[in-house]
Each structure stands twice: as structure tokens, then as C-alpha cells.
Amino acid sequence: MANKTVKNLSNQPIYLNLAGGRSLKIPARSQAEVDEADLNSGEMALQQSRGNIILVEAGAAREESSGGGAGAGVSHQPASGHQPAGRVSPQPAGTAKDEEGGNH
């Protein structure tokens, strides 16, 4: 099976109880390689659903280990660089206008 890289986003180490009585410690703000079977375990799914760990792309893991910088390959912005549909540009406080065009 192929190994996958996961990253602990939390400021605390994560201890995972895996199948077969094995356990895994992922240090705070660090990465660890896990088997694909372990990645599909219930414990790993729980931590992913809580947002404590994320799966790192293969190319991003190599960049980060070679000094690609903090957050290399982990993007929280849309790939196109544009705001998602339905999102409104932020306005400074007090500049909202009502339907007639006047200030509130």
C-alpha cells in the first residue's frame, strides 16, 4: 500500500489508536506518513472531520521537506484566485447604503 502524508494543524500532539492495537503520535504542527489503510480508519476520519489533521498532497510534501516554506502546497484560497460566487467584497464600517442609495 502507498504511504500518504498527513499534517497536524493543532498546537497539541495527536495520539491515534489504529487497527491491530497500534498507535501513532503526530507531533504538534508536524507531518507524519501513514498507510492508506490507516488513513481510512475511524480514528483518522474523526480527526479529519474536526479539522485537526489534513491530507497533504504528494508534491506539496516534497516541497515542504526541501524548504518550500511554511504552508507550501496547502492552499486555503480558490485556485483561480477569485472570490467564490455569492461572496460580497468587504466594505469599511458605516458605508453600507440602503435601497434608495442613502447611508444608514
N, C-alpha and C. Protein backbone atom coordinates (compact mmCIF):
# COMPACT_ATOMS: atom_id res chain seq x y z
N MET A 1 0.83 -1.18 0.00
CA MET A 1 0.00 0.00 0.00
C MET A 1 0.87 1.24 0.00
N ALA A 2 0.31 2.30 -0.54
CA ALA A 2 1.04 3.56 -0.65
C ALA A 2 0.95 4.34 0.66
N ASN A 3 2.03 5.02 0.97
CA ASN A 3 2.03 5.88 2.14
C ASN A 3 1.50 7.25 1.76
N LYS A 4 0.76 7.85 2.66
CA LYS A 4 0.23 9.20 2.48
C LYS A 4 0.78 10.07 3.60
N THR A 5 0.86 11.36 3.35
CA THR A 5 1.35 12.29 4.36
C THR A 5 0.18 13.09 4.92
N VAL A 6 0.09 13.12 6.25
CA VAL A 6 -0.92 13.93 6.93
C VAL A 6 -0.20 14.97 7.77
N LYS A 7 -0.87 16.11 7.95
CA LYS A 7 -0.29 17.20 8.73
C LYS A 7 -1.20 17.52 9.91
N ASN A 8 -0.60 17.65 11.08
CA ASN A 8 -1.30 18.05 12.30
C ASN A 8 -1.36 19.57 12.32
N LEU A 9 -2.55 20.14 12.27
CA LEU A 9 -2.72 21.59 12.28
C LEU A 9 -2.84 22.16 13.69
N SER A 10 -2.96 21.29 14.66
CA SER A 10 -3.19 21.73 16.03
C SER A 10 -1.87 22.07 16.73
N ASN A 11 -1.98 22.79 17.83
CA ASN A 11 -0.81 23.15 18.64
C ASN A 11 -0.50 22.07 19.67
N GLN A 12 -1.22 20.97 19.62
CA GLN A 12 -1.02 19.85 20.54
C GLN A 12 -0.71 18.59 19.73
N PRO A 13 0.08 17.67 20.28
CA PRO A 13 0.29 16.41 19.58
C PRO A 13 -1.01 15.62 19.52
N ILE A 14 -1.16 14.82 18.48
CA ILE A 14 -2.35 13.98 18.33
C ILE A 14 -1.93 12.53 18.46
N TYR A 15 -2.61 11.80 19.32
CA TYR A 15 -2.36 10.38 19.52
C TYR A 15 -3.52 9.61 18.90
N LEU A 16 -3.21 8.73 17.95
CA LEU A 16 -4.23 7.96 17.26
C LEU A 16 -4.11 6.49 17.62
N ASN A 17 -5.23 5.86 17.93
CA ASN A 17 -5.30 4.43 18.16
C ASN A 17 -5.76 3.78 16.87
N LEU A 18 -4.87 3.03 16.23
CA LEU A 18 -5.15 2.44 14.93
C LEU A 18 -5.51 0.97 15.06
N ALA A 19 -5.91 0.38 13.95
CA ALA A 19 -6.31 -1.03 13.93
C ALA A 19 -5.13 -1.92 14.33
N GLY A 20 -5.43 -3.05 14.92
CA GLY A 20 -4.41 -4.00 15.31
C GLY A 20 -3.67 -3.62 16.57
N GLY A 21 -4.20 -2.70 17.35
CA GLY A 21 -3.56 -2.31 18.61
C GLY A 21 -2.37 -1.37 18.43
N ARG A 22 -2.18 -0.85 17.24
CA ARG A 22 -1.08 0.09 17.00
C ARG A 22 -1.52 1.50 17.36
N SER A 23 -0.54 2.34 17.62
CA SER A 23 -0.84 3.75 17.90
C SER A 23 0.15 4.61 17.13
N LEU A 24 -0.23 5.86 16.93
CA LEU A 24 0.59 6.80 16.17
C LEU A 24 0.52 8.15 16.85
N LYS A 25 1.67 8.78 17.02
CA LYS A 25 1.72 10.13 17.57
C LYS A 25 2.15 11.06 16.43
N ILE A 26 1.34 12.09 16.20
CA ILE A 26 1.71 13.13 15.23
C ILE A 26 2.03 14.37 16.06
N PRO A 27 3.30 14.78 16.09
CA PRO A 27 3.67 15.95 16.89
C PRO A 27 2.92 17.21 16.44
N ALA A 28 2.83 18.18 17.33
CA ALA A 28 2.15 19.43 17.04
C ALA A 28 2.78 20.11 15.83
N ARG A 29 1.90 20.58 14.92
CA ARG A 29 2.32 21.33 13.73
C ARG A 29 3.33 20.57 12.88
N SER A 30 3.25 19.24 12.85
CA SER A 30 4.19 18.41 12.09
C SER A 30 3.46 17.50 11.14
N GLN A 31 4.24 16.77 10.35
CA GLN A 31 3.69 15.83 9.40
C GLN A 31 4.10 14.42 9.76
N ALA A 32 3.31 13.46 9.31
CA ALA A 32 3.62 12.05 9.51
C ALA A 32 3.14 11.27 8.30
N GLU A 33 3.85 10.19 7.99
CA GLU A 33 3.42 9.32 6.90
C GLU A 33 2.62 8.17 7.48
N VAL A 34 1.49 7.87 6.86
CA VAL A 34 0.62 6.79 7.31
C VAL A 34 0.25 5.92 6.11
N ASP A 35 -0.04 4.67 6.39
CA ASP A 35 -0.52 3.76 5.34
C ASP A 35 -1.90 4.19 4.90
N GLU A 36 -2.26 3.81 3.70
CA GLU A 36 -3.58 4.15 3.18
C GLU A 36 -4.67 3.50 4.02
N ALA A 37 -4.41 2.30 4.53
CA ALA A 37 -5.39 1.62 5.38
C ALA A 37 -5.61 2.41 6.67
N ASP A 38 -4.53 2.94 7.24
CA ASP A 38 -4.65 3.74 8.47
C ASP A 38 -5.38 5.04 8.19
N LEU A 39 -5.18 5.60 7.00
CA LEU A 39 -5.83 6.84 6.62
C LEU A 39 -7.35 6.66 6.56
N ASN A 40 -7.80 5.46 6.24
CA ASN A 40 -9.23 5.17 6.13
C ASN A 40 -9.84 4.69 7.45
N SER A 41 -9.07 4.71 8.54
CA SER A 41 -9.59 4.25 9.83
C SER A 41 -10.56 5.28 10.43
N GLY A 42 -11.36 4.83 11.35
CA GLY A 42 -12.34 5.69 12.01
C GLY A 42 -11.69 6.80 12.82
N GLU A 43 -10.60 6.48 13.49
CA GLU A 43 -9.89 7.47 14.32
C GLU A 43 -9.34 8.60 13.45
N MET A 44 -8.79 8.24 12.31
CA MET A 44 -8.24 9.25 11.40
C MET A 44 -9.37 10.10 10.81
N ALA A 45 -10.49 9.47 10.47
CA ALA A 45 -11.64 10.20 9.92
C ALA A 45 -12.17 11.19 10.96
N LEU A 46 -12.18 10.80 12.22
CA LEU A 46 -12.65 11.68 13.28
C LEU A 46 -11.77 12.93 13.37
N GLN A 47 -10.46 12.74 13.35
CA GLN A 47 -9.54 13.88 13.46
C GLN A 47 -9.64 14.79 12.22
N GLN A 48 -9.86 14.18 11.05
CA GLN A 48 -10.02 14.98 9.84
C GLN A 48 -11.31 15.79 9.90
N SER A 49 -12.39 15.18 10.40
CA SER A 49 -13.67 15.89 10.47
C SER A 49 -13.61 17.05 11.47
N ARG A 50 -12.79 16.94 12.47
CA ARG A 50 -12.61 18.02 13.45
C ARG A 50 -11.69 19.11 12.94
N GLY A 51 -10.99 18.84 11.83
CA GLY A 51 -10.07 19.83 11.27
C GLY A 51 -8.71 19.82 11.94
N ASN A 52 -8.41 18.78 12.71
CA ASN A 52 -7.12 18.70 13.37
C ASN A 52 -6.01 18.26 12.44
N ILE A 53 -6.33 17.41 11.47
CA ILE A 53 -5.33 16.95 10.52
C ILE A 53 -5.86 17.08 9.10
N ILE A 54 -4.94 17.24 8.17
CA ILE A 54 -5.30 17.29 6.75
C ILE A 54 -4.37 16.36 5.98
N LEU A 55 -4.83 15.94 4.82
CA LEU A 55 -4.03 15.13 3.93
C LEU A 55 -3.22 16.09 3.06
N VAL A 56 -1.91 15.90 3.02
CA VAL A 56 -1.03 16.77 2.26
C VAL A 56 -0.78 16.11 0.91
N GLU A 57 -0.84 16.91 -0.16
CA GLU A 57 -0.59 16.39 -1.50
C GLU A 57 0.86 15.94 -1.62
N ALA A 58 1.11 14.95 -2.47
CA ALA A 58 2.44 14.37 -2.61
C ALA A 58 3.47 15.42 -3.02
N GLY A 59 3.15 16.27 -3.98
CA GLY A 59 4.08 17.31 -4.43
C GLY A 59 4.35 18.34 -3.34
N ALA A 60 3.33 18.66 -2.56
CA ALA A 60 3.47 19.65 -1.50
C ALA A 60 4.35 19.12 -0.38
N ALA A 61 4.25 17.83 -0.10
CA ALA A 61 5.06 17.24 0.97
C ALA A 61 6.55 17.31 0.59
N ARG A 62 6.88 17.08 -0.67
CA ARG A 62 8.27 17.16 -1.11
C ARG A 62 8.78 18.60 -1.05
N GLU A 63 7.93 19.57 -1.45
CA GLU A 63 8.33 20.97 -1.40
C GLU A 63 8.64 21.41 0.01
N GLU A 64 7.77 21.03 0.95
CA GLU A 64 7.93 21.47 2.32
C GLU A 64 9.18 20.86 2.95
N SER A 65 9.47 19.59 2.62
CA SER A 65 10.64 18.95 3.20
C SER A 65 11.92 19.50 2.58
N SER A 66 11.84 20.07 1.36
CA SER A 66 13.02 20.63 0.72
C SER A 66 13.14 22.13 0.99
N GLY A 67 12.35 22.67 1.89
CA GLY A 67 12.46 24.08 2.26
C GLY A 67 11.55 24.98 1.46
N GLY A 68 10.40 24.48 1.05
CA GLY A 68 9.46 25.26 0.27
C GLY A 68 8.79 26.35 1.07
N GLY A 69 8.99 26.40 2.36
CA GLY A 69 8.40 27.46 3.18
C GLY A 69 7.18 26.97 3.91
N ALA A 70 6.74 27.76 4.87
CA ALA A 70 5.57 27.39 5.66
C ALA A 70 4.33 27.43 4.80
N GLY A 71 3.55 26.38 4.87
CA GLY A 71 2.29 26.33 4.15
C GLY A 71 2.45 26.03 2.68
N ALA A 72 3.61 25.60 2.22
CA ALA A 72 3.80 25.30 0.80
C ALA A 72 2.87 24.17 0.39
N GLY A 73 2.12 24.37 -0.64
CA GLY A 73 1.23 23.34 -1.15
C GLY A 73 -0.09 23.26 -0.44
N VAL A 74 -0.26 23.93 0.65
CA VAL A 74 -1.52 23.91 1.37
C VAL A 74 -2.18 25.26 1.12
N SER A 75 -3.19 25.25 0.29
CA SER A 75 -3.83 26.49 -0.10
C SER A 75 -5.22 26.57 0.49
N HIS A 76 -5.52 27.69 1.08
CA HIS A 76 -6.86 27.92 1.62
C HIS A 76 -7.64 28.87 0.72
N GLN A 77 -7.05 29.28 -0.41
CA GLN A 77 -7.69 30.17 -1.36
C GLN A 77 -8.13 29.37 -2.58
N PRO A 78 -9.15 29.80 -3.29
CA PRO A 78 -9.54 29.12 -4.52
C PRO A 78 -8.41 29.16 -5.54
N ALA A 79 -8.30 28.11 -6.35
CA ALA A 79 -7.21 28.00 -7.31
C ALA A 79 -7.23 29.14 -8.33
N SER A 80 -8.40 29.65 -8.68
CA SER A 80 -8.48 30.70 -9.69
C SER A 80 -8.03 32.05 -9.15
N GLY A 81 -7.97 32.22 -7.85
CA GLY A 81 -7.59 33.48 -7.26
C GLY A 81 -8.75 34.45 -7.12
N HIS A 82 -9.93 34.07 -7.59
CA HIS A 82 -11.11 34.92 -7.49
C HIS A 82 -11.92 34.51 -6.28
N GLN A 83 -12.77 35.42 -5.81
CA GLN A 83 -13.64 35.10 -4.70
C GLN A 83 -14.72 34.14 -5.16
N PRO A 84 -15.17 33.22 -4.29
CA PRO A 84 -16.26 32.31 -4.66
C PRO A 84 -17.53 33.08 -4.99
N ALA A 85 -18.37 32.50 -5.83
CA ALA A 85 -19.63 33.14 -6.22
C ALA A 85 -20.48 33.38 -4.99
N GLY A 86 -21.16 34.50 -4.96
CA GLY A 86 -22.04 34.82 -3.85
C GLY A 86 -21.35 35.57 -2.73
N ARG A 87 -20.07 35.74 -2.80
CA ARG A 87 -19.35 36.44 -1.76
C ARG A 87 -19.31 37.92 -2.08
N VAL A 88 -19.52 38.76 -1.10
CA VAL A 88 -19.55 40.20 -1.29
C VAL A 88 -18.23 40.78 -0.83
N SER A 89 -17.73 41.74 -1.58
CA SER A 89 -16.49 42.41 -1.19
C SER A 89 -16.71 43.15 0.12
N PRO A 90 -15.73 43.11 1.01
CA PRO A 90 -15.89 43.80 2.29
C PRO A 90 -15.89 45.30 2.11
N GLN A 91 -16.71 45.99 2.90
CA GLN A 91 -16.76 47.45 2.91
C GLN A 91 -16.36 47.93 4.29
N PRO A 92 -15.76 49.10 4.37
CA PRO A 92 -15.47 49.66 5.68
C PRO A 92 -16.77 49.90 6.45
N ALA A 93 -16.71 49.83 7.76
CA ALA A 93 -17.88 50.02 8.60
C ALA A 93 -18.50 51.40 8.36
N GLY A 94 -19.82 51.44 8.29
CA GLY A 94 -20.51 52.70 8.14
C GLY A 94 -20.71 53.14 6.70
N THR A 95 -20.33 52.31 5.72
CA THR A 95 -20.50 52.72 4.33
C THR A 95 -21.64 51.97 3.65
N ALA A 96 -22.38 51.16 4.39
CA ALA A 96 -23.50 50.43 3.80
C ALA A 96 -24.59 51.41 3.40
N LYS A 97 -25.23 51.13 2.27
CA LYS A 97 -26.29 52.03 1.77
C LYS A 97 -27.59 51.25 1.67
N ASP A 98 -28.70 51.94 1.88
CA ASP A 98 -29.99 51.29 1.72
C ASP A 98 -30.41 51.30 0.26
N GLU A 99 -31.61 50.81 -0.04
CA GLU A 99 -32.04 50.68 -1.42
C GLU A 99 -32.15 52.03 -2.15
N GLU A 100 -32.45 53.11 -1.44
CA GLU A 100 -32.56 54.41 -2.08
C GLU A 100 -31.18 55.05 -2.31
N GLY A 101 -30.14 54.44 -1.83
CA GLY A 101 -28.80 54.97 -2.06
C GLY A 101 -28.26 55.82 -0.93
N GLY A 102 -29.05 56.06 0.12
CA GLY A 102 -28.57 56.87 1.24
C GLY A 102 -27.87 56.02 2.28
N ASN A 103 -27.11 56.66 3.13
CA ASN A 103 -26.43 55.94 4.21
C ASN A 103 -27.42 55.62 5.33
N HIS A 104 -27.14 54.57 6.05
CA HIS A 104 -27.99 54.19 7.19
C HIS A 104 -27.75 55.09 8.36
